[in-house]
């Protein structure tokens, strides 16, 4: 993992791995620059891949939504949303980044590098999105779409072929409604970590009582985990009371 900006040979190797040739090599270098590098180099321009990540996140979501919409014309909006979330999530994006080998070119500060930042799922997922943003900026939407489909296509196909799994939050709400309870509420317990690697802890509250908690890199993921734990708890409790 480099701790200095990428040189010409590294850029060429990266382009070969991505199967994309860039006109503006600087935008690709930027996509592989983690915020920790700028933090440790105050004289270096305060830049990182975060803006490209923001852009790439939207593009990935658009491409996957388009594939699902076209590939599953009979699915309702709720099912499409669940299947999209199966593809556009940290673990899947990190897997794509590992397949490419992006960690090999991710420029980080010494501290982040020493902490194993080149294989941290949050860093890899963010870098994948930043690269998508860079492809869009340099080559346009058509190339960005082709890039996303190349590296995430098999995950989309898997989502299309498998039965939709209901969101744990929906399952919990249905269970409570069937048993005459009030709908669940979700409450933030804590928010820890760095800006680029946040961890949220959310509690699910039923009838003013916290029943379970969950953690995740997004609040929605933490809520889903809390809902799953709560549902397991309620079902176990119901079985023991019979």
C-alpha atoms as a PDB file:
ATOM      1  CA  UNK A   1       0.000   0.000   0.000  1.00  0.00           C
ATOM      2  CA  UNK A   2       1.550   3.365  -0.971  1.00  0.00           C
ATOM      3  CA  UNK A   3       1.999   6.234   1.479  1.00  0.00           C
ATOM      4  CA  UNK A   4       2.948   8.695  -1.282  1.00  0.00           C
ATOM      5  CA  UNK A   5       0.959   9.741  -4.365  1.00  0.00           C
ATOM      6  CA  UNK A   6       0.922   7.160  -7.160  1.00  0.00           C
ATOM      7  CA  UNK A   7       3.695   7.345  -9.736  1.00  0.00           C
ATOM      8  CA  UNK A   8       3.362   6.756 -13.490  1.00  0.00           C
ATOM      9  CA  UNK A   9       4.068   3.021 -13.331  1.00  0.00           C
ATOM     10  CA  UNK A  10       1.542   2.531 -10.528  1.00  0.00           C
ATOM     11  CA  UNK A  11      -1.110   4.458 -12.449  1.00  0.00           C
ATOM     12  CA  UNK A  12      -0.507   2.278 -15.506  1.00  0.00           C
ATOM     13  CA  UNK A  13      -0.824  -0.894 -13.438  1.00  0.00           C
ATOM     14  CA  UNK A  14      -4.007   0.420 -11.860  1.00  0.00           C
ATOM     15  CA  UNK A  15      -5.525   1.291 -15.238  1.00  0.00           C
ATOM     16  CA  UNK A  16      -4.771  -2.230 -16.449  1.00  0.00           C
ATOM     17  CA  UNK A  17      -6.448  -3.719 -13.380  1.00  0.00           C
ATOM     18  CA  UNK A  18      -9.502  -1.506 -13.879  1.00  0.00           C
ATOM     19  CA  UNK A  19      -9.499  -2.061 -17.658  1.00  0.00           C
ATOM     20  CA  UNK A  20     -10.055   1.677 -18.053  1.00  0.00           C
ATOM     21  CA  UNK A  21      -7.561   4.126 -19.567  1.00  0.00           C
ATOM     22  CA  UNK A  22      -7.838   7.662 -18.191  1.00  0.00           C
ATOM     23  CA  UNK A  23      -7.199  10.878 -20.108  1.00  0.00           C
ATOM     24  CA  UNK A  24      -6.741  12.773 -16.837  1.00  0.00           C
ATOM     25  CA  UNK A  25      -4.477  10.665 -14.641  1.00  0.00           C
ATOM     26  CA  UNK A  26      -4.891  13.131 -11.774  1.00  0.00           C
ATOM     27  CA  UNK A  27      -8.550  12.255 -11.295  1.00  0.00           C
ATOM     28  CA  UNK A  28      -7.606   8.587 -10.919  1.00  0.00           C
ATOM     29  CA  UNK A  29      -4.859   9.483  -8.441  1.00  0.00           C
ATOM     30  CA  UNK A  30      -7.407  11.494  -6.480  1.00  0.00           C
ATOM     31  CA  UNK A  31      -9.815   8.536  -6.399  1.00  0.00           C
ATOM     32  CA  UNK A  32      -7.143   6.457  -4.653  1.00  0.00           C
ATOM     33  CA  UNK A  33      -6.173   9.119  -2.080  1.00  0.00           C
ATOM     34  CA  UNK A  34      -7.584   8.448   1.384  1.00  0.00           C
ATOM     35  CA  UNK A  35      -8.353  11.365   3.703  1.00  0.00           C
ATOM     36  CA  UNK A  36      -5.714  10.125   6.158  1.00  0.00           C
ATOM     37  CA  UNK A  37      -2.956  11.032   3.688  1.00  0.00           C
ATOM     38  CA  UNK A  38      -3.992  14.688   3.577  1.00  0.00           C
ATOM     39  CA  UNK A  39      -4.412  14.688   7.349  1.00  0.00           C
ATOM     40  CA  UNK A  40      -0.767  13.690   7.788  1.00  0.00           C
ATOM     41  CA  UNK A  41       0.524  16.120   5.139  1.00  0.00           C
ATOM     42  CA  UNK A  42      -0.679  19.635   6.011  1.00  0.00           C
ATOM     43  CA  UNK A  43       1.481  21.120   3.236  1.00  0.00           C
ATOM     44  CA  UNK A  44      -0.124  18.808   0.698  1.00  0.00           C
ATOM     45  CA  UNK A  45      -3.328  20.110  -0.935  1.00  0.00           C
ATOM     46  CA  UNK A  46      -6.224  19.185   1.335  1.00  0.00           C
ATOM     47  CA  UNK A  47      -7.768  16.712  -1.092  1.00  0.00           C
ATOM     48  CA  UNK A  48      -9.082  13.172  -0.826  1.00  0.00           C
ATOM     49  CA  UNK A  49     -11.383  10.829  -2.678  1.00  0.00           C
ATOM     50  CA  UNK A  50     -14.437  11.792  -0.596  1.00  0.00           C
ATOM     51  CA  UNK A  51     -16.062  14.035  -3.234  1.00  0.00           C
ATOM     52  CA  UNK A  52     -15.586  11.393  -5.925  1.00  0.00           C
ATOM     53  CA  UNK A  53     -16.996   8.820  -3.503  1.00  0.00           C
ATOM     54  CA  UNK A  54     -20.110  10.984  -3.099  1.00  0.00           C
ATOM     55  CA  UNK A  55     -20.529  11.119  -6.861  1.00  0.00           C
ATOM     56  CA  UNK A  56     -19.797   7.438  -7.381  1.00  0.00           C
ATOM     57  CA  UNK A  57     -22.304   6.397  -4.734  1.00  0.00           C
ATOM     58  CA  UNK A  58     -25.114   8.011  -6.722  1.00  0.00           C
ATOM     59  CA  UNK A  59     -23.931   6.479  -9.989  1.00  0.00           C
ATOM     60  CA  UNK A  60     -23.684   2.978  -8.520  1.00  0.00           C
ATOM     61  CA  UNK A  61     -27.196   3.321  -7.118  1.00  0.00           C
ATOM     62  CA  UNK A  62     -28.532   4.513 -10.482  1.00  0.00           C
ATOM     63  CA  UNK A  63     -26.895   1.736 -12.490  1.00  0.00           C
ATOM     64  CA  UNK A  64     -28.042  -1.010 -10.140  1.00  0.00           C
ATOM     65  CA  UNK A  65     -31.581   0.401  -9.963  1.00  0.00           C
ATOM     66  CA  UNK A  66     -31.699   0.465 -13.773  1.00  0.00           C
ATOM     67  CA  UNK A  67     -30.524  -3.150 -14.009  1.00  0.00           C
ATOM     68  CA  UNK A  68     -33.066  -4.325 -11.466  1.00  0.00           C
ATOM     69  CA  UNK A  69     -35.906  -2.311 -13.011  1.00  0.00           C
ATOM     70  CA  UNK A  70     -35.191  -3.733 -16.467  1.00  0.00           C
ATOM     71  CA  UNK A  71     -34.368  -7.241 -15.290  1.00  0.00           C
ATOM     72  CA  UNK A  72     -37.375  -7.735 -13.021  1.00  0.00           C
ATOM     73  CA  UNK A  73     -40.387  -6.036 -14.648  1.00  0.00           C
ATOM     74  CA  UNK A  74     -42.863  -7.834 -12.381  1.00  0.00           C
ATOM     75  CA  UNK A  75     -41.307  -6.841  -9.052  1.00  0.00           C
ATOM     76  CA  UNK A  76     -42.953  -4.161  -6.955  1.00  0.00           C
ATOM     77  CA  UNK A  77     -41.081  -1.128  -5.581  1.00  0.00           C
ATOM     78  CA  UNK A  78     -40.560  -2.685  -2.154  1.00  0.00           C
ATOM     79  CA  UNK A  79     -38.966  -5.819  -3.594  1.00  0.00           C
ATOM     80  CA  UNK A  80     -36.755  -3.766  -5.897  1.00  0.00           C
ATOM     81  CA  UNK A  81     -35.587  -1.674  -2.947  1.00  0.00           C
ATOM     82  CA  UNK A  82     -34.674  -4.740  -0.908  1.00  0.00           C
ATOM     83  CA  UNK A  83     -32.758  -6.299  -3.790  1.00  0.00           C
ATOM     84  CA  UNK A  84     -30.915  -3.089  -4.518  1.00  0.00           C
ATOM     85  CA  UNK A  85     -29.810  -2.945  -0.882  1.00  0.00           C
ATOM     86  CA  UNK A  86     -28.423  -6.469  -1.267  1.00  0.00           C
ATOM     87  CA  UNK A  87     -26.082  -5.189  -3.982  1.00  0.00           C
ATOM     88  CA  UNK A  88     -25.354  -1.593  -2.935  1.00  0.00           C
ATOM     89  CA  UNK A  89     -23.909  -2.298   0.488  1.00  0.00           C
ATOM     90  CA  UNK A  90     -20.470  -2.028   2.035  1.00  0.00           C
ATOM     91  CA  UNK A  91     -19.678  -5.748   1.949  1.00  0.00           C
ATOM     92  CA  UNK A  92     -20.500  -6.147  -1.749  1.00  0.00           C
ATOM     93  CA  UNK A  93     -18.609  -3.035  -2.821  1.00  0.00           C
ATOM     94  CA  UNK A  94     -15.618  -4.074  -0.710  1.00  0.00           C
ATOM     95  CA  UNK A  95     -15.675  -7.506  -2.350  1.00  0.00           C
ATOM     96  CA  UNK A  96     -15.534  -5.860  -5.782  1.00  0.00           C
ATOM     97  CA  UNK A  97     -12.652  -3.660  -4.623  1.00  0.00           C
ATOM     98  CA  UNK A  98     -10.757  -6.711  -3.344  1.00  0.00           C
ATOM     99  CA  UNK A  99     -11.334  -8.509  -6.642  1.00  0.00           C
ATOM    100  CA  UNK A 100      -9.741  -5.585  -8.460  1.00  0.00           C
ATOM    101  CA  UNK A 101      -7.038  -5.280  -5.797  1.00  0.00           C
ATOM    102  CA  UNK A 102      -7.683  -1.615  -5.040  1.00  0.00           C
ATOM    103  CA  UNK A 103      -6.037  -1.851  -1.638  1.00  0.00           C
ATOM    104  CA  UNK A 104      -2.697  -2.265  -3.410  1.00  0.00           C
ATOM    105  CA  UNK A 105      -2.951   1.289  -4.763  1.00  0.00           C
ATOM    106  CA  UNK A 106      -4.827   3.044  -1.953  1.00  0.00           C
ATOM    107  CA  UNK A 107      -2.711   6.003  -0.790  1.00  0.00           C
ATOM    108  CA  UNK A 108      -3.052   6.467   2.974  1.00  0.00           C
ATOM    109  CA  UNK A 109      -1.377   8.122   5.904  1.00  0.00           C
ATOM    110  CA  UNK A 110       1.174   6.046   7.804  1.00  0.00           C
ATOM    111  CA  UNK A 111      -1.174   5.567  10.740  1.00  0.00           C
ATOM    112  CA  UNK A 112      -4.026   4.259   8.617  1.00  0.00           C
ATOM    113  CA  UNK A 113      -1.668   2.055   6.631  1.00  0.00           C
ATOM    114  CA  UNK A 114      -0.179   0.569   9.804  1.00  0.00           C
ATOM    115  CA  UNK A 115      -3.690  -0.162  11.073  1.00  0.00           C
ATOM    116  CA  UNK A 116      -4.456  -2.290   8.023  1.00  0.00           C
ATOM    117  CA  UNK A 117      -6.476   0.340   6.218  1.00  0.00           C
ATOM    118  CA  UNK A 118      -5.753  -1.213   2.824  1.00  0.00           C
ATOM    119  CA  UNK A 119      -8.067  -4.136   3.673  1.00  0.00           C
ATOM    120  CA  UNK A 120     -10.680  -2.317   5.748  1.00  0.00           C
ATOM    121  CA  UNK A 121     -14.070  -2.864   4.156  1.00  0.00           C
ATOM    122  CA  UNK A 122     -15.198   0.722   4.663  1.00  0.00           C
ATOM    123  CA  UNK A 123     -12.082   2.081   2.915  1.00  0.00           C
ATOM    124  CA  UNK A 124     -12.373  -0.370   0.032  1.00  0.00           C
ATOM    125  CA  UNK A 125     -16.087   0.253  -0.505  1.00  0.00           C
ATOM    126  CA  UNK A 126     -15.537   4.014  -0.453  1.00  0.00           C
ATOM    127  CA  UNK A 127     -12.615   3.700  -2.873  1.00  0.00           C
ATOM    128  CA  UNK A 128     -14.661   1.601  -5.284  1.00  0.00           C
ATOM    129  CA  UNK A 129     -17.313   4.332  -5.345  1.00  0.00           C
ATOM    130  CA  UNK A 130     -14.613   6.988  -5.793  1.00  0.00           C
ATOM    131  CA  UNK A 131     -13.219   5.106  -8.784  1.00  0.00           C
ATOM    132  CA  UNK A 132     -16.706   4.933 -10.286  1.00  0.00           C
ATOM    133  CA  UNK A 133     -16.935   8.700  -9.819  1.00  0.00           C
ATOM    134  CA  UNK A 134     -13.547   9.150 -11.460  1.00  0.00           C
ATOM    135  CA  UNK A 135     -14.560   7.018 -14.461  1.00  0.00           C
ATOM    136  CA  UNK A 136     -17.678   9.144 -14.837  1.00  0.00           C
ATOM    137  CA  UNK A 137     -15.759  12.433 -14.646  1.00  0.00           C
ATOM    138  CA  UNK A 138     -13.081  11.311 -17.110  1.00  0.00           C
ATOM    139  CA  UNK A 139     -14.958   8.987 -19.484  1.00  0.00           C
ATOM    140  CA  UNK A 140     -18.653   9.767 -19.059  1.00  0.00           C
ATOM    141  CA  UNK A 141     -21.721   7.884 -17.909  1.00  0.00           C
ATOM    142  CA  UNK A 142     -21.584   5.105 -20.500  1.00  0.00           C
ATOM    143  CA  UNK A 143     -18.133   4.004 -19.366  1.00  0.00           C
ATOM    144  CA  UNK A 144     -19.065   4.398 -15.700  1.00  0.00           C
ATOM    145  CA  UNK A 145     -22.138   2.225 -16.256  1.00  0.00           C
ATOM    146  CA  UNK A 146     -20.049  -0.424 -18.014  1.00  0.00           C
ATOM    147  CA  UNK A 147     -17.546  -0.357 -15.155  1.00  0.00           C
ATOM    148  CA  UNK A 148     -20.236  -0.865 -12.490  1.00  0.00           C
ATOM    149  CA  UNK A 149     -21.843  -3.694 -14.459  1.00  0.00           C
ATOM    150  CA  UNK A 150     -18.468  -5.360 -14.991  1.00  0.00           C
ATOM    151  CA  UNK A 151     -17.646  -5.543 -11.304  1.00  0.00           C
ATOM    152  CA  UNK A 152     -21.108  -5.778  -9.729  1.00  0.00           C
ATOM    153  CA  UNK A 153     -23.030  -7.567 -12.486  1.00  0.00           C
ATOM    154  CA  UNK A 154     -22.837 -11.019 -10.911  1.00  0.00           C
ATOM    155  CA  UNK A 155     -24.202  -9.631  -7.644  1.00  0.00           C
ATOM    156  CA  UNK A 156     -27.126  -8.071  -9.525  1.00  0.00           C
ATOM    157  CA  UNK A 157     -27.805 -11.379 -11.263  1.00  0.00           C
ATOM    158  CA  UNK A 158     -27.790 -13.140  -7.921  1.00  0.00           C
ATOM    159  CA  UNK A 159     -30.227 -10.595  -6.490  1.00  0.00           C
ATOM    160  CA  UNK A 160     -32.517 -11.082  -9.489  1.00  0.00           C
ATOM    161  CA  UNK A 161     -32.491 -14.868  -9.194  1.00  0.00           C
ATOM    162  CA  UNK A 162     -33.047 -15.197  -5.456  1.00  0.00           C
ATOM    163  CA  UNK A 163     -36.301 -14.807  -3.606  1.00  0.00           C
ATOM    164  CA  UNK A 164     -36.705 -11.397  -2.034  1.00  0.00           C
ATOM    165  CA  UNK A 165     -35.953 -11.416   1.659  1.00  0.00           C
ATOM    166  CA  UNK A 166     -38.147  -9.073   3.630  1.00  0.00           C
ATOM    167  CA  UNK A 167     -36.473  -6.295   5.541  1.00  0.00           C
ATOM    168  CA  UNK A 168     -36.230  -7.197   9.284  1.00  0.00           C
ATOM    169  CA  UNK A 169     -37.898  -3.870  10.128  1.00  0.00           C
ATOM    170  CA  UNK A 170     -40.914  -4.807   8.024  1.00  0.00           C
ATOM    171  CA  UNK A 171     -41.051  -8.286   9.546  1.00  0.00           C
ATOM    172  CA  UNK A 172     -40.940  -6.841  13.066  1.00  0.00           C
ATOM    173  CA  UNK A 173     -43.693  -4.348  12.326  1.00  0.00           C
ATOM    174  CA  UNK A 174     -45.893  -7.079  10.835  1.00  0.00           C
ATOM    175  CA  UNK A 175     -45.300  -9.283  13.888  1.00  0.00           C
ATOM    176  CA  UNK A 176     -46.224  -6.501  16.299  1.00  0.00           C
ATOM    177  CA  UNK A 177     -49.336  -5.574  14.343  1.00  0.00           C
ATOM    178  CA  UNK A 178     -50.451  -9.208  14.324  1.00  0.00           C
ATOM    179  CA  UNK A 179     -50.031  -9.325  18.090  1.00  0.00           C
ATOM    180  CA  UNK A 180     -51.766  -6.025  18.866  1.00  0.00           C
ATOM    181  CA  UNK A 181     -48.639  -4.099  19.878  1.00  0.00           C
ATOM    182  CA  UNK A 182     -47.716  -0.554  18.933  1.00  0.00           C
ATOM    183  CA  UNK A 183     -45.286  -0.007  16.040  1.00  0.00           C
ATOM    184  CA  UNK A 184     -41.575  -0.044  16.967  1.00  0.00           C
ATOM    185  CA  UNK A 185     -39.487   3.096  17.326  1.00  0.00           C
ATOM    186  CA  UNK A 186     -35.732   3.388  16.796  1.00  0.00           C
ATOM    187  CA  UNK A 187     -33.391   5.431  18.946  1.00  0.00           C
ATOM    188  CA  UNK A 188     -29.743   6.327  18.427  1.00  0.00           C
ATOM    189  CA  UNK A 189     -27.622   5.054  21.317  1.00  0.00           C
ATOM    190  CA  UNK A 190     -24.157   6.012  20.099  1.00  0.00           C
ATOM    191  CA  UNK A 191     -22.125   7.148  17.111  1.00  0.00           C
ATOM    192  CA  UNK A 192     -18.439   6.210  17.216  1.00  0.00           C
ATOM    193  CA  UNK A 193     -15.418   6.001  14.925  1.00  0.00           C
ATOM    194  CA  UNK A 194     -13.942   8.419  12.420  1.00  0.00           C
ATOM    195  CA  UNK A 195     -15.860  10.346   9.792  1.00  0.00           C
ATOM    196  CA  UNK A 196     -14.835   7.813   7.140  1.00  0.00           C
ATOM    197  CA  UNK A 197     -15.535   4.774   9.338  1.00  0.00           C
ATOM    198  CA  UNK A 198     -18.561   5.553  11.509  1.00  0.00           C
ATOM    199  CA  UNK A 199     -20.307   2.921  13.614  1.00  0.00           C
ATOM    200  CA  UNK A 200     -23.874   3.531  14.750  1.00  0.00           C
ATOM    201  CA  UNK A 201     -25.646   1.737  17.598  1.00  0.00           C
ATOM    202  CA  UNK A 202     -29.432   1.855  17.422  1.00  0.00           C
ATOM    203  CA  UNK A 203     -32.040   0.548  19.876  1.00  0.00           C
ATOM    204  CA  UNK A 204     -35.506  -0.666  18.953  1.00  0.00           C
ATOM    205  CA  UNK A 205     -38.151   0.489  21.433  1.00  0.00           C
ATOM    206  CA  UNK A 206     -41.504  -1.274  21.789  1.00  0.00           C
ATOM    207  CA  UNK A 207     -44.185   0.027  24.153  1.00  0.00           C
ATOM    208  CA  UNK A 208     -41.609   2.461  25.591  1.00  0.00           C
ATOM    209  CA  UNK A 209     -39.191  -0.384  26.420  1.00  0.00           C
ATOM    210  CA  UNK A 210     -35.860  -0.931  24.642  1.00  0.00           C
ATOM    211  CA  UNK A 211     -35.953  -4.526  23.426  1.00  0.00           C
ATOM    212  CA  UNK A 212     -32.728  -4.946  21.444  1.00  0.00           C
ATOM    213  CA  UNK A 213     -29.906  -3.016  19.831  1.00  0.00           C
ATOM    214  CA  UNK A 214     -27.844  -3.330  16.678  1.00  0.00           C
ATOM    215  CA  UNK A 215     -24.755  -1.808  15.098  1.00  0.00           C
ATOM    216  CA  UNK A 216     -23.909  -0.827  11.549  1.00  0.00           C
ATOM    217  CA  UNK A 217     -21.999   1.561   9.326  1.00  0.00           C
ATOM    218  CA  UNK A 218     -25.298   3.289   8.537  1.00  0.00           C
ATOM    219  CA  UNK A 219     -28.219   3.991  10.843  1.00  0.00           C
ATOM    220  CA  UNK A 220     -30.531   1.924   8.650  1.00  0.00           C
ATOM    221  CA  UNK A 221     -28.202  -1.092   8.912  1.00  0.00           C
ATOM    222  CA  UNK A 222     -28.073  -0.758  12.708  1.00  0.00           C
ATOM    223  CA  UNK A 223     -31.869  -0.490  12.822  1.00  0.00           C
ATOM    224  CA  UNK A 224     -32.242  -3.634  10.727  1.00  0.00           C
ATOM    225  CA  UNK A 225     -29.922  -5.575  13.019  1.00  0.00           C
ATOM    226  CA  UNK A 226     -31.786  -4.320  16.087  1.00  0.00           C
ATOM    227  CA  UNK A 227     -35.097  -5.324  14.495  1.00  0.00           C
ATOM    228  CA  UNK A 228     -33.784  -8.798  13.721  1.00  0.00           C
ATOM    229  CA  UNK A 229     -32.594  -9.292  17.302  1.00  0.00           C
ATOM    230  CA  UNK A 230     -35.887  -7.963  18.666  1.00  0.00           C
ATOM    231  CA  UNK A 231     -37.908 -10.296  16.463  1.00  0.00           C
ATOM    232  CA  UNK A 232     -35.850 -13.304  17.570  1.00  0.00           C
ATOM    233  CA  UNK A 233     -36.317 -12.270  21.196  1.00  0.00           C
ATOM    234  CA  UNK A 234     -40.081 -11.840  20.874  1.00  0.00           C
ATOM    235  CA  UNK A 235     -40.542 -15.127  19.052  1.00  0.00           C
ATOM    236  CA  UNK A 236     -38.456 -16.988  21.643  1.00  0.00           C
ATOM    237  CA  UNK A 237     -40.408 -15.337  24.460  1.00  0.00           C
ATOM    238  CA  UNK A 238     -43.717 -16.232  22.809  1.00  0.00           C
ATOM    239  CA  UNK A 239     -42.669 -19.880  22.430  1.00  0.00           C
ATOM    240  CA  UNK A 240     -41.612 -20.160  26.078  1.00  0.00           C
ATOM    241  CA  UNK A 241     -44.948 -18.744  27.255  1.00  0.00           C
ATOM    242  CA  UNK A 242     -46.995 -21.373  25.449  1.00  0.00           C
END
